[in-house]
Amino acid sequence: MRHLVALSAQVADEGDVGRIILSDDDPEFVLYRISQRLGLPVHPSWASWFWSVLQQKQRIQPLDGLGYQPIAVVGSKEEFLEWIGGAVKDKTIEIPDDAGSIPWQSFSAARLT
């Protein structure tokens, strides 16, 4: 019970504006969930790049979890868009030429909550 109270306190901390709580630290899952939450224009092929930038800028905070390792990602839509724009401009990442839907891997419903 103490563990659940501690986790609830971590998640409910209202002083942390710009924190996104995620149930998994898979780079593609992180990019997908952040893009869905903030409405970012991203491509799955950017997942490793985005993860490395999050790590470099120390924007990933591990949280306590029962049977899984939740994380908090700290940042704003404007900041993430600035990173994406800079990376596209210096050709670190590229916008794919292929049209159509974006090929995200299938995530289980448990990971999406």
C-alpha atoms as a PDB file:
ATOM      1  CA  MET A   1       0.000   0.000   0.000  1.00  0.00           C
ATOM      2  CA  ARG A   2       2.823   2.432   0.779  1.00  0.00           C
ATOM      3  CA  HIS A   3       4.224   1.762  -2.696  1.00  0.00           C
ATOM      4  CA  LEU A   4       0.921   2.762  -4.335  1.00  0.00           C
ATOM      5  CA  VAL A   5       0.701   5.919  -2.246  1.00  0.00           C
ATOM      6  CA  ALA A   6       4.273   6.884  -3.207  1.00  0.00           C
ATOM      7  CA  LEU A   7       3.574   6.248  -6.899  1.00  0.00           C
ATOM      8  CA  SER A   8       0.335   8.221  -6.729  1.00  0.00           C
ATOM      9  CA  ALA A   9       2.219  11.135  -5.188  1.00  0.00           C
ATOM     10  CA  GLN A  10       4.791  11.018  -8.005  1.00  0.00           C
ATOM     11  CA  VAL A  11       2.155  10.950 -10.735  1.00  0.00           C
ATOM     12  CA  ALA A  12      -0.092  13.568  -9.155  1.00  0.00           C
ATOM     13  CA  ASP A  13       2.636  16.156  -8.629  1.00  0.00           C
ATOM     14  CA  GLU A  14       0.960  19.228 -10.119  1.00  0.00           C
ATOM     15  CA  GLY A  15       4.167  21.274  -9.936  1.00  0.00           C
ATOM     16  CA  ASP A  16       5.624  19.420 -12.906  1.00  0.00           C
ATOM     17  CA  VAL A  17       4.053  21.095 -15.903  1.00  0.00           C
ATOM     18  CA  GLY A  18       5.201  19.447 -19.120  1.00  0.00           C
ATOM     19  CA  ARG A  19       5.618  15.944 -17.710  1.00  0.00           C
ATOM     20  CA  ILE A  20       4.200  13.040 -19.660  1.00  0.00           C
ATOM     21  CA  ILE A  21       3.907   9.785 -17.713  1.00  0.00           C
ATOM     22  CA  LEU A  22       4.497   6.648 -19.799  1.00  0.00           C
ATOM     23  CA  SER A  23       4.239   2.970 -18.912  1.00  0.00           C
ATOM     24  CA  ASP A  24       7.207   1.868 -21.029  1.00  0.00           C
ATOM     25  CA  ASP A  25      10.595   3.173 -22.133  1.00  0.00           C
ATOM     26  CA  ASP A  26      10.690   1.645 -25.627  1.00  0.00           C
ATOM     27  CA  PRO A  27      11.874   4.511 -27.892  1.00  0.00           C
ATOM     28  CA  GLU A  28       9.176   3.971 -30.540  1.00  0.00           C
ATOM     29  CA  PHE A  29       6.453   3.734 -27.889  1.00  0.00           C
ATOM     30  CA  VAL A  30       7.717   6.943 -26.246  1.00  0.00           C
ATOM     31  CA  LEU A  31       7.714   8.847 -29.545  1.00  0.00           C
ATOM     32  CA  TYR A  32       4.277   7.490 -30.483  1.00  0.00           C
ATOM     33  CA  ARG A  33       2.647   8.400 -27.163  1.00  0.00           C
ATOM     34  CA  ILE A  34       4.223  11.866 -27.021  1.00  0.00           C
ATOM     35  CA  SER A  35       3.200  12.563 -30.615  1.00  0.00           C
ATOM     36  CA  GLN A  36      -0.369  11.447 -29.881  1.00  0.00           C
ATOM     37  CA  ARG A  37      -0.566  13.446 -26.666  1.00  0.00           C
ATOM     38  CA  LEU A  38       0.902  16.664 -28.075  1.00  0.00           C
ATOM     39  CA  GLY A  39      -0.080  16.387 -31.742  1.00  0.00           C
ATOM     40  CA  LEU A  40       3.477  16.281 -33.049  1.00  0.00           C
ATOM     41  CA  PRO A  41       4.232  15.490 -36.702  1.00  0.00           C
ATOM     42  CA  VAL A  42       6.643  12.575 -36.354  1.00  0.00           C
ATOM     43  CA  HIS A  43       7.702   9.371 -38.099  1.00  0.00           C
ATOM     44  CA  PRO A  44       8.593   6.046 -36.394  1.00  0.00           C
ATOM     45  CA  SER A  45      12.031   6.121 -38.014  1.00  0.00           C
ATOM     46  CA  TRP A  46      12.862   9.071 -35.742  1.00  0.00           C
ATOM     47  CA  ALA A  47      12.379   7.084 -32.511  1.00  0.00           C
ATOM     48  CA  SER A  48      16.064   6.344 -31.824  1.00  0.00           C
ATOM     49  CA  TRP A  49      17.055   9.933 -32.572  1.00  0.00           C
ATOM     50  CA  PHE A  50      14.297  11.337 -30.324  1.00  0.00           C
ATOM     51  CA  TRP A  51      15.199   8.932 -27.495  1.00  0.00           C
ATOM     52  CA  SER A  52      18.878   9.909 -27.693  1.00  0.00           C
ATOM     53  CA  VAL A  53      17.971  13.620 -27.530  1.00  0.00           C
ATOM     54  CA  LEU A  54      15.755  12.981 -24.492  1.00  0.00           C
ATOM     55  CA  GLN A  55      18.642  11.166 -22.808  1.00  0.00           C
ATOM     56  CA  GLN A  56      21.215  13.792 -23.801  1.00  0.00           C
ATOM     57  CA  LYS A  57      19.051  16.596 -22.416  1.00  0.00           C
ATOM     58  CA  GLN A  58      18.212  14.504 -19.320  1.00  0.00           C
ATOM     59  CA  ARG A  59      14.456  14.682 -19.931  1.00  0.00           C
ATOM     60  CA  ILE A  60      13.659  11.108 -18.830  1.00  0.00           C
ATOM     61  CA  GLN A  61      12.788  10.535 -15.195  1.00  0.00           C
ATOM     62  CA  PRO A  62      12.359   6.953 -13.949  1.00  0.00           C
ATOM     63  CA  LEU A  63       9.332   6.411 -11.704  1.00  0.00           C
ATOM     64  CA  ASP A  64       8.447   3.638  -9.286  1.00  0.00           C
ATOM     65  CA  GLY A  65       6.138   0.920 -10.600  1.00  0.00           C
ATOM     66  CA  LEU A  66       4.804  -2.479  -9.608  1.00  0.00           C
ATOM     67  CA  GLY A  67       5.922  -4.996 -12.225  1.00  0.00           C
ATOM     68  CA  TYR A  68       6.878  -2.377 -14.816  1.00  0.00           C
ATOM     69  CA  GLN A  69       9.162   0.651 -15.175  1.00  0.00           C
ATOM     70  CA  PRO A  70       7.144   3.812 -15.808  1.00  0.00           C
ATOM     71  CA  ILE A  71       8.938   6.983 -16.832  1.00  0.00           C
ATOM     72  CA  ALA A  72       8.150  10.659 -16.999  1.00  0.00           C
ATOM     73  CA  VAL A  73       9.274  12.622 -20.037  1.00  0.00           C
ATOM     74  CA  VAL A  74       9.732  16.326 -19.429  1.00  0.00           C
ATOM     75  CA  GLY A  75       9.257  18.852 -22.226  1.00  0.00           C
ATOM     76  CA  SER A  76       6.752  20.939 -24.125  1.00  0.00           C
ATOM     77  CA  LYS A  77       5.246  20.712 -27.574  1.00  0.00           C
ATOM     78  CA  GLU A  78       7.088  23.861 -28.619  1.00  0.00           C
ATOM     79  CA  GLU A  79      10.406  22.493 -27.427  1.00  0.00           C
ATOM     80  CA  PHE A  80       9.940  19.126 -29.155  1.00  0.00           C
ATOM     81  CA  LEU A  81       8.928  20.897 -32.383  1.00  0.00           C
ATOM     82  CA  GLU A  82      12.092  22.984 -32.148  1.00  0.00           C
ATOM     83  CA  TRP A  83      14.197  19.812 -31.812  1.00  0.00           C
ATOM     84  CA  ILE A  84      12.432  18.198 -34.782  1.00  0.00           C
ATOM     85  CA  GLY A  85      12.776  21.322 -36.935  1.00  0.00           C
ATOM     86  CA  GLY A  86      16.478  21.637 -36.158  1.00  0.00           C
ATOM     87  CA  ALA A  87      17.119  17.963 -36.879  1.00  0.00           C
ATOM     88  CA  VAL A  88      15.263  18.130 -40.210  1.00  0.00           C
ATOM     89  CA  LYS A  89      17.144  21.292 -41.144  1.00  0.00           C
ATOM     90  CA  ASP A  90      20.566  19.772 -40.450  1.00  0.00           C
ATOM     91  CA  LYS A  91      19.465  16.442 -42.004  1.00  0.00           C
ATOM     92  CA  THR A  92      19.863  14.405 -38.810  1.00  0.00           C
ATOM     93  CA  ILE A  93      16.377  13.071 -39.534  1.00  0.00           C
ATOM     94  CA  GLU A  94      14.477  13.123 -42.798  1.00  0.00           C
ATOM     95  CA  ILE A  95      10.839  13.419 -43.739  1.00  0.00           C
ATOM     96  CA  PRO A  96      10.043  10.253 -45.706  1.00  0.00           C
ATOM     97  CA  ASP A  97       8.865  10.696 -49.296  1.00  0.00           C
ATOM     98  CA  ASP A  98       6.312   7.888 -49.110  1.00  0.00           C
ATOM     99  CA  ALA A  99       2.703   8.985 -48.881  1.00  0.00           C
ATOM    100  CA  GLY A 100       0.012   7.209 -46.930  1.00  0.00           C
ATOM    101  CA  SER A 101      -0.427   6.133 -43.365  1.00  0.00           C
ATOM    102  CA  ILE A 102       2.488   5.995 -40.967  1.00  0.00           C
ATOM    103  CA  PRO A 103       3.650   2.437 -40.169  1.00  0.00           C
ATOM    104  CA  TRP A 104       3.661   2.375 -36.342  1.00  0.00           C
ATOM    105  CA  GLN A 105       4.181  -0.977 -34.690  1.00  0.00           C
ATOM    106  CA  SER A 106       1.205  -2.435 -32.866  1.00  0.00           C
ATOM    107  CA  PHE A 107       1.162  -1.538 -29.188  1.00  0.00           C
ATOM    108  CA  SER A 108      -0.882  -3.580 -26.719  1.00  0.00           C
ATOM    109  CA  ALA A 109      -3.790  -1.846 -25.000  1.00  0.00           C
ATOM    110  CA  ALA A 110      -2.055  -2.289 -21.632  1.00  0.00           C
ATOM    111  CA  ARG A 111       0.908  -0.193 -22.801  1.00  0.00           C
ATOM    112  CA  LEU A 112      -1.292   2.616 -24.083  1.00  0.00           C
ATOM    113  CA  THR A 113      -2.815   3.467 -20.723  1.00  0.00           C
END
